Amino acid sequence: KLAQQKATNLQQHQAKLVQQENSQLGQQLQAKLAQQKKQLEQQFQAKLAQQKKQLEQQFQAKLAQQERNYTSKLTGQCKSQRVDYLKEQRTTDYQHSLTATITYPAQGAMVPRVVFIRGKLTGKKHDQKVFLVIRSTKFGKRFYPLGAINKRNWTVKGIYATPNYNYETFVVATSNKKSIALLRRKRSRMYGLKKLPHGTKVISAIVVVKRK
């Protein structure tokens, strides 16, 4: 009976040991599986983030390239349209151009202080206003509008103030209302302008004379 009880206790002890070993193995396996699962999830997330970053970079690069292509195409179209407009404008200007000729004084002439400058207008004026301008080639180099030209054969009183100075004499035209008002001002005739007003074009040859 003692031997039988001893054998039973031994069997129970062995069974308990096996159960403990199985439990420990199960726990170790679960821990290892959980660790592997965590590593795989981390690797997956890292790879997914890398792929997302690459796709975003590719998308941004493609978008930037498309924008450059569109900008280049648009710029080319604008340039082409501008060239066409300028060609059309030059053709229109040629067909309906307003030009002036200064017949007196002659190029290179020696002139007194007061000269009655003469010339001719050809072409259509439309809404343009025409003015005679002189400009000193030395000190100041300001533009002095001497007066409006209203006739085809015109005469305008010119004043060349400083002896031994060279003066440019020419005719300008503009349809800009503010520029017309500026060219008509008495102050402009007296003190001159630093530059020709906006939209003002020279429509004659520039005649250079020298004050006696």
C-alpha atoms as a PDB file:
ATOM      1  CA  LYS A   1       0.000   0.000   0.000  1.00  0.00           C
ATOM      2  CA  LEU A   2       2.903   2.356   0.740  1.00  0.00           C
ATOM      3  CA  ALA A   3       4.513   1.557  -2.591  1.00  0.00           C
ATOM      4  CA  GLN A   4       1.254   2.195  -4.395  1.00  0.00           C
ATOM      5  CA  GLN A   5       0.813   5.539  -2.639  1.00  0.00           C
ATOM      6  CA  LYS A   6       4.409   6.455  -3.437  1.00  0.00           C
ATOM      7  CA  ALA A   7       3.872   5.658  -7.124  1.00  0.00           C
ATOM      8  CA  THR A   8       0.676   7.732  -7.180  1.00  0.00           C
ATOM      9  CA  ASN A   9       2.445  10.701  -5.573  1.00  0.00           C
ATOM     10  CA  LEU A  10       5.284  10.397  -8.076  1.00  0.00           C
ATOM     11  CA  GLN A  11       2.879  10.378 -10.998  1.00  0.00           C
ATOM     12  CA  GLN A  12       1.069  13.434  -9.627  1.00  0.00           C
ATOM     13  CA  HIS A  13       4.375  15.247  -9.113  1.00  0.00           C
ATOM     14  CA  GLN A  14       5.518  14.432 -12.659  1.00  0.00           C
ATOM     15  CA  ALA A  15       2.195  15.552 -14.070  1.00  0.00           C
ATOM     16  CA  LYS A  16       2.467  18.797 -12.124  1.00  0.00           C
ATOM     17  CA  LEU A  17       6.006  19.356 -13.429  1.00  0.00           C
ATOM     18  CA  VAL A  18       4.862  18.740 -17.007  1.00  0.00           C
ATOM     19  CA  GLN A  19       1.970  21.138 -16.528  1.00  0.00           C
ATOM     20  CA  GLN A  20       4.314  23.814 -15.141  1.00  0.00           C
ATOM     21  CA  GLU A  21       6.746  23.335 -18.031  1.00  0.00           C
ATOM     22  CA  ASN A  22       3.904  23.553 -20.546  1.00  0.00           C
ATOM     23  CA  SER A  23       2.635  26.696 -18.847  1.00  0.00           C
ATOM     24  CA  GLN A  24       6.112  28.301 -18.918  1.00  0.00           C
ATOM     25  CA  LEU A  25       6.608  27.329 -22.585  1.00  0.00           C
ATOM     26  CA  GLY A  26       3.207  28.752 -23.425  1.00  0.00           C
ATOM     27  CA  GLN A  27       3.995  32.023 -21.702  1.00  0.00           C
ATOM     28  CA  GLN A  28       7.386  32.263 -23.427  1.00  0.00           C
ATOM     29  CA  LEU A  29       5.773  31.499 -26.770  1.00  0.00           C
ATOM     30  CA  GLN A  30       3.093  34.120 -26.225  1.00  0.00           C
ATOM     31  CA  ALA A  31       5.703  36.700 -25.239  1.00  0.00           C
ATOM     32  CA  LYS A  32       7.836  35.876 -28.264  1.00  0.00           C
ATOM     33  CA  LEU A  33       4.834  36.036 -30.580  1.00  0.00           C
ATOM     34  CA  ALA A  34       3.793  39.382 -29.091  1.00  0.00           C
ATOM     35  CA  GLN A  35       7.321  40.740 -29.585  1.00  0.00           C
ATOM     36  CA  GLN A  36       7.468  39.534 -33.183  1.00  0.00           C
ATOM     37  CA  LYS A  37       4.038  41.013 -33.829  1.00  0.00           C
ATOM     38  CA  LYS A  38       5.168  44.374 -32.404  1.00  0.00           C
ATOM     39  CA  GLN A  39       8.344  44.330 -34.532  1.00  0.00           C
ATOM     40  CA  LEU A  40       6.373  43.470 -37.653  1.00  0.00           C
ATOM     41  CA  GLU A  41       3.892  46.289 -36.951  1.00  0.00           C
ATOM     42  CA  GLN A  42       6.748  48.758 -36.427  1.00  0.00           C
ATOM     43  CA  GLN A  43       8.442  47.637 -39.648  1.00  0.00           C
ATOM     44  CA  PHE A  44       5.149  47.867 -41.500  1.00  0.00           C
ATOM     45  CA  GLN A  45       4.443  51.375 -40.161  1.00  0.00           C
ATOM     46  CA  ALA A  46       7.981  52.535 -41.010  1.00  0.00           C
ATOM     47  CA  LYS A  47       7.742  51.107 -44.540  1.00  0.00           C
ATOM     48  CA  LEU A  48       4.287  52.621 -44.996  1.00  0.00           C
ATOM     49  CA  ALA A  49       5.531  56.037 -43.818  1.00  0.00           C
ATOM     50  CA  GLN A  50       8.521  55.803 -46.186  1.00  0.00           C
ATOM     51  CA  GLN A  51       6.296  54.868 -49.134  1.00  0.00           C
ATOM     52  CA  LYS A  52       3.911  57.717 -48.255  1.00  0.00           C
ATOM     53  CA  LYS A  53       6.820  60.181 -48.132  1.00  0.00           C
ATOM     54  CA  GLN A  54       8.148  58.936 -51.480  1.00  0.00           C
ATOM     55  CA  LEU A  55       4.706  59.218 -53.078  1.00  0.00           C
ATOM     56  CA  GLU A  56       4.275  62.759 -51.707  1.00  0.00           C
ATOM     57  CA  GLN A  57       7.715  63.747 -53.028  1.00  0.00           C
ATOM     58  CA  GLN A  58       6.935  62.256 -56.439  1.00  0.00           C
ATOM     59  CA  PHE A  59       3.560  64.003 -56.494  1.00  0.00           C
ATOM     60  CA  GLN A  60       5.078  67.364 -55.520  1.00  0.00           C
ATOM     61  CA  ALA A  61       7.832  66.986 -58.124  1.00  0.00           C
ATOM     62  CA  LYS A  62       5.307  66.075 -60.822  1.00  0.00           C
ATOM     63  CA  LEU A  63       3.040  68.966 -59.799  1.00  0.00           C
ATOM     64  CA  ALA A  64       5.980  71.402 -59.873  1.00  0.00           C
ATOM     65  CA  GLN A  65       6.990  70.133 -63.324  1.00  0.00           C
ATOM     66  CA  GLN A  66       3.437  70.544 -64.610  1.00  0.00           C
ATOM     67  CA  GLU A  67       3.340  74.092 -63.204  1.00  0.00           C
ATOM     68  CA  ARG A  68       6.655  74.910 -64.912  1.00  0.00           C
ATOM     69  CA  ASN A  69       5.409  73.458 -68.179  1.00  0.00           C
ATOM     70  CA  TYR A  70       2.149  75.406 -67.919  1.00  0.00           C
ATOM     71  CA  THR A  71       3.972  78.623 -67.014  1.00  0.00           C
ATOM     72  CA  SER A  72       6.391  78.152 -69.892  1.00  0.00           C
ATOM     73  CA  LYS A  73       3.551  77.457 -72.305  1.00  0.00           C
ATOM     74  CA  LEU A  74       1.579  80.447 -71.030  1.00  0.00           C
ATOM     75  CA  THR A  75       4.652  82.694 -71.259  1.00  0.00           C
ATOM     76  CA  GLY A  76       5.256  81.514 -74.806  1.00  0.00           C
ATOM     77  CA  GLN A  77       1.645  82.243 -75.739  1.00  0.00           C
ATOM     78  CA  CYS A  78       1.842  85.704 -74.148  1.00  0.00           C
ATOM     79  CA  LYS A  79       5.074  86.473 -75.997  1.00  0.00           C
ATOM     80  CA  SER A  80       3.557  85.257 -79.248  1.00  0.00           C
ATOM     81  CA  GLN A  81       0.426  87.348 -78.710  1.00  0.00           C
ATOM     82  CA  ARG A  82       2.552  90.380 -77.811  1.00  0.00           C
ATOM     83  CA  VAL A  83       4.653  89.942 -80.966  1.00  0.00           C
ATOM     84  CA  ASP A  84       1.472  89.658 -83.033  1.00  0.00           C
ATOM     85  CA  TYR A  85       0.054  92.757 -81.338  1.00  0.00           C
ATOM     86  CA  LEU A  86       3.248  94.734 -81.934  1.00  0.00           C
ATOM     87  CA  LYS A  87       3.303  93.662 -85.581  1.00  0.00           C
ATOM     88  CA  GLU A  88      -0.333  94.708 -85.944  1.00  0.00           C
ATOM     89  CA  GLN A  89       0.362  97.954 -84.098  1.00  0.00           C
ATOM     90  CA  ARG A  90       3.364  98.750 -86.287  1.00  0.00           C
ATOM     91  CA  THR A  91       1.284  98.052 -89.384  1.00  0.00           C
ATOM     92  CA  THR A  92      -1.493 100.309 -88.085  1.00  0.00           C
ATOM     93  CA  ASP A  93       0.994 103.003 -87.123  1.00  0.00           C
ATOM     94  CA  TYR A  94       2.583 102.812 -90.559  1.00  0.00           C
ATOM     95  CA  GLN A  95      -0.747 103.075 -92.331  1.00  0.00           C
ATOM     96  CA  HIS A  96      -2.060 105.923 -90.177  1.00  0.00           C
ATOM     97  CA  SER A  97       1.188 107.424 -88.910  1.00  0.00           C
ATOM     98  CA  LEU A  98       1.432 111.080 -87.979  1.00  0.00           C
ATOM     99  CA  THR A  99       4.811 112.573 -88.829  1.00  0.00           C
ATOM    100  CA  ALA A 100       6.344 116.040 -88.711  1.00  0.00           C
ATOM    101  CA  THR A 101       9.150 117.710 -90.579  1.00  0.00           C
ATOM    102  CA  ILE A 102      11.105 120.728 -89.339  1.00  0.00           C
ATOM    103  CA  THR A 103      11.934 122.880 -92.359  1.00  0.00           C
ATOM    104  CA  TYR A 104      13.593 125.733 -90.437  1.00  0.00           C
ATOM    105  CA  PRO A 105      16.112 126.025 -88.877  1.00  0.00           C
ATOM    106  CA  ALA A 106      18.346 123.536 -90.651  1.00  0.00           C
ATOM    107  CA  GLN A 107      20.421 120.839 -89.016  1.00  0.00           C
ATOM    108  CA  GLY A 108      23.581 122.311 -87.453  1.00  0.00           C
ATOM    109  CA  ALA A 109      22.501 125.938 -87.938  1.00  0.00           C
ATOM    110  CA  MET A 110      23.703 128.808 -85.721  1.00  0.00           C
ATOM    111  CA  VAL A 111      20.610 130.516 -84.318  1.00  0.00           C
ATOM    112  CA  PRO A 112      19.789 133.679 -82.329  1.00  0.00           C
ATOM    113  CA  ARG A 113      17.897 133.644 -79.050  1.00  0.00           C
ATOM    114  CA  VAL A 114      14.459 133.879 -80.670  1.00  0.00           C
ATOM    115  CA  VAL A 115      13.651 131.831 -83.768  1.00  0.00           C
ATOM    116  CA  PHE A 116      10.342 131.229 -85.524  1.00  0.00           C
ATOM    117  CA  ILE A 117      10.571 127.499 -86.166  1.00  0.00           C
ATOM    118  CA  ARG A 118       8.666 126.196 -89.174  1.00  0.00           C
ATOM    119  CA  GLY A 119       7.603 122.800 -90.380  1.00  0.00           C
ATOM    120  CA  LYS A 120       4.937 120.468 -91.815  1.00  0.00           C
ATOM    121  CA  LEU A 121       2.589 117.793 -90.490  1.00  0.00           C
ATOM    122  CA  THR A 122       1.571 114.734 -92.513  1.00  0.00           C
ATOM    123  CA  GLY A 123      -0.764 111.847 -91.662  1.00  0.00           C
ATOM    124  CA  LYS A 124      -3.892 111.587 -89.526  1.00  0.00           C
ATOM    125  CA  LYS A 125      -3.965 113.205 -86.105  1.00  0.00           C
ATOM    126  CA  HIS A 126      -7.028 111.339 -84.737  1.00  0.00           C
ATOM    127  CA  ASP A 127      -7.180 112.387 -81.050  1.00  0.00           C
ATOM    128  CA  GLN A 128      -3.470 113.194 -80.813  1.00  0.00           C
ATOM    129  CA  LYS A 129      -2.118 116.599 -79.834  1.00  0.00           C
ATOM    130  CA  VAL A 130       1.172 117.797 -81.278  1.00  0.00           C
ATOM    131  CA  PHE A 131       3.830 119.978 -79.622  1.00  0.00           C
ATOM    132  CA  LEU A 132       7.208 121.450 -80.521  1.00  0.00           C
ATOM    133  CA  VAL A 133       9.918 120.670 -77.955  1.00  0.00           C
ATOM    134  CA  ILE A 134      13.503 121.846 -77.492  1.00  0.00           C
ATOM    135  CA  ARG A 135      16.110 120.314 -75.200  1.00  0.00           C
ATOM    136  CA  SER A 136      19.546 121.503 -74.133  1.00  0.00           C
ATOM    137  CA  THR A 137      22.271 118.909 -74.676  1.00  0.00           C
ATOM    138  CA  LYS A 138      24.353 120.266 -71.770  1.00  0.00           C
ATOM    139  CA  PHE A 139      23.361 121.493 -68.322  1.00  0.00           C
ATOM    140  CA  GLY A 140      20.043 120.146 -67.083  1.00  0.00           C
ATOM    141  CA  LYS A 141      19.049 118.442 -70.337  1.00  0.00           C
ATOM    142  CA  ARG A 142      15.412 119.309 -69.639  1.00  0.00           C
ATOM    143  CA  PHE A 143      12.582 119.226 -72.174  1.00  0.00           C
ATOM    144  CA  TYR A 144      10.860 122.546 -72.925  1.00  0.00           C
ATOM    145  CA  PRO A 145       7.497 122.315 -74.765  1.00  0.00           C
ATOM    146  CA  LEU A 146       7.339 125.540 -76.763  1.00  0.00           C
ATOM    147  CA  GLY A 147       3.761 125.334 -78.001  1.00  0.00           C
ATOM    148  CA  ALA A 148       1.040 123.313 -79.665  1.00  0.00           C
ATOM    149  CA  ILE A 149       1.019 122.628 -83.405  1.00  0.00           C
ATOM    150  CA  ASN A 150      -2.464 122.805 -84.905  1.00  0.00           C
ATOM    151  CA  LYS A 151      -1.858 123.310 -88.655  1.00  0.00           C
ATOM    152  CA  ARG A 152      -0.339 121.276 -91.436  1.00  0.00           C
ATOM    153  CA  ASN A 153       2.082 124.087 -92.212  1.00  0.00           C
ATOM    154  CA  TRP A 154       3.017 125.438 -88.814  1.00  0.00           C
ATOM    155  CA  THR A 155       5.176 128.093 -87.193  1.00  0.00           C
ATOM    156  CA  VAL A 156       6.080 128.141 -83.492  1.00  0.00           C
ATOM    157  CA  LYS A 157       8.168 130.707 -81.646  1.00  0.00           C
ATOM    158  CA  GLY A 158      11.273 129.117 -80.180  1.00  0.00           C
ATOM    159  CA  ILE A 159      13.625 130.482 -77.545  1.00  0.00           C
ATOM    160  CA  TYR A 160      17.228 129.218 -77.313  1.00  0.00           C
ATOM    161  CA  ALA A 161      18.286 130.791 -74.040  1.00  0.00           C
ATOM    162  CA  THR A 162      22.005 130.156 -73.504  1.00  0.00           C
ATOM    163  CA  PRO A 163      24.770 131.201 -75.961  1.00  0.00           C
ATOM    164  CA  ASN A 164      27.150 128.481 -77.236  1.00  0.00           C
ATOM    165  CA  TYR A 165      24.800 125.702 -76.120  1.00  0.00           C
ATOM    166  CA  ASN A 166      23.568 123.027 -78.530  1.00  0.00           C
ATOM    167  CA  TYR A 167      19.824 122.436 -78.559  1.00  0.00           C
ATOM    168  CA  GLU A 168      17.760 119.565 -79.900  1.00  0.00           C
ATOM    169  CA  THR A 169      14.546 120.608 -81.628  1.00  0.00           C
ATOM    170  CA  PHE A 170      11.807 118.074 -82.434  1.00  0.00           C
ATOM    171  CA  VAL A 171       8.065 117.443 -82.560  1.00  0.00           C
ATOM    172  CA  VAL A 172       6.112 115.118 -80.255  1.00  0.00           C
ATOM    173  CA  ALA A 173       2.555 113.764 -80.228  1.00  0.00           C
ATOM    174  CA  THR A 174       0.360 112.178 -77.562  1.00  0.00           C
ATOM    175  CA  SER A 175      -3.284 111.276 -76.938  1.00  0.00           C
ATOM    176  CA  ASN A 176      -2.835 110.920 -73.158  1.00  0.00           C
ATOM    177  CA  LYS A 177      -4.938 113.608 -71.472  1.00  0.00           C
ATOM    178  CA  LYS A 178      -2.611 114.053 -68.493  1.00  0.00           C
ATOM    179  CA  SER A 179       0.401 114.299 -70.791  1.00  0.00           C
ATOM    180  CA  ILE A 180      -1.364 116.860 -72.973  1.00  0.00           C
ATOM    181  CA  ALA A 181      -2.171 118.962 -69.903  1.00  0.00           C
ATOM    182  CA  LEU A 182       1.455 118.716 -68.742  1.00  0.00           C
ATOM    183  CA  LEU A 183       2.813 119.788 -72.134  1.00  0.00           C
ATOM    184  CA  ARG A 184       0.415 122.746 -72.206  1.00  0.00           C
ATOM    185  CA  ARG A 185       1.377 124.061 -68.756  1.00  0.00           C
ATOM    186  CA  LYS A 186       3.130 127.417 -68.606  1.00  0.00           C
ATOM    187  CA  ARG A 187       5.377 126.070 -65.852  1.00  0.00           C
ATOM    188  CA  SER A 188       6.568 123.301 -68.189  1.00  0.00           C
ATOM    189  CA  ARG A 189       7.515 125.908 -70.815  1.00  0.00           C
ATOM    190  CA  MET A 190       9.369 128.014 -68.241  1.00  0.00           C
ATOM    191  CA  TYR A 191      11.201 125.389 -66.178  1.00  0.00           C
ATOM    192  CA  GLY A 192      11.165 122.358 -68.443  1.00  0.00           C
ATOM    193  CA  LEU A 193      10.475 118.662 -67.796  1.00  0.00           C
ATOM    194  CA  LYS A 194      12.930 116.000 -66.640  1.00  0.00           C
ATOM    195  CA  LYS A 195      11.486 113.582 -69.185  1.00  0.00           C
ATOM    196  CA  LEU A 196       8.771 113.416 -71.796  1.00  0.00           C
ATOM    197  CA  PRO A 197       5.345 112.591 -70.336  1.00  0.00           C
ATOM    198  CA  HIS A 198       3.898 109.082 -70.511  1.00  0.00           C
ATOM    199  CA  GLY A 199       2.685 108.046 -73.964  1.00  0.00           C
ATOM    200  CA  THR A 200       4.477 110.911 -75.743  1.00  0.00           C
ATOM    201  CA  LYS A 201       6.202 109.947 -78.996  1.00  0.00           C
ATOM    202  CA  VAL A 202       8.751 111.841 -81.051  1.00  0.00           C
ATOM    203  CA  ILE A 203       7.331 112.093 -84.577  1.00  0.00           C
ATOM    204  CA  SER A 204      10.061 114.127 -86.325  1.00  0.00           C
ATOM    205  CA  ALA A 205      13.763 114.006 -86.912  1.00  0.00           C
ATOM    206  CA  ILE A 206      15.790 115.697 -84.170  1.00  0.00           C
ATOM    207  CA  VAL A 207      17.343 118.930 -85.454  1.00  0.00           C
ATOM    208  CA  VAL A 208      20.395 120.090 -83.482  1.00  0.00           C
ATOM    209  CA  VAL A 209      21.233 123.800 -83.609  1.00  0.00           C
ATOM    210  CA  LYS A 210      23.723 125.979 -81.775  1.00  0.00           C
ATOM    211  CA  ARG A 211      22.908 129.243 -80.062  1.00  0.00           C
ATOM    212  CA  LYS A 212      25.031 132.167 -81.260  1.00  0.00           C
END
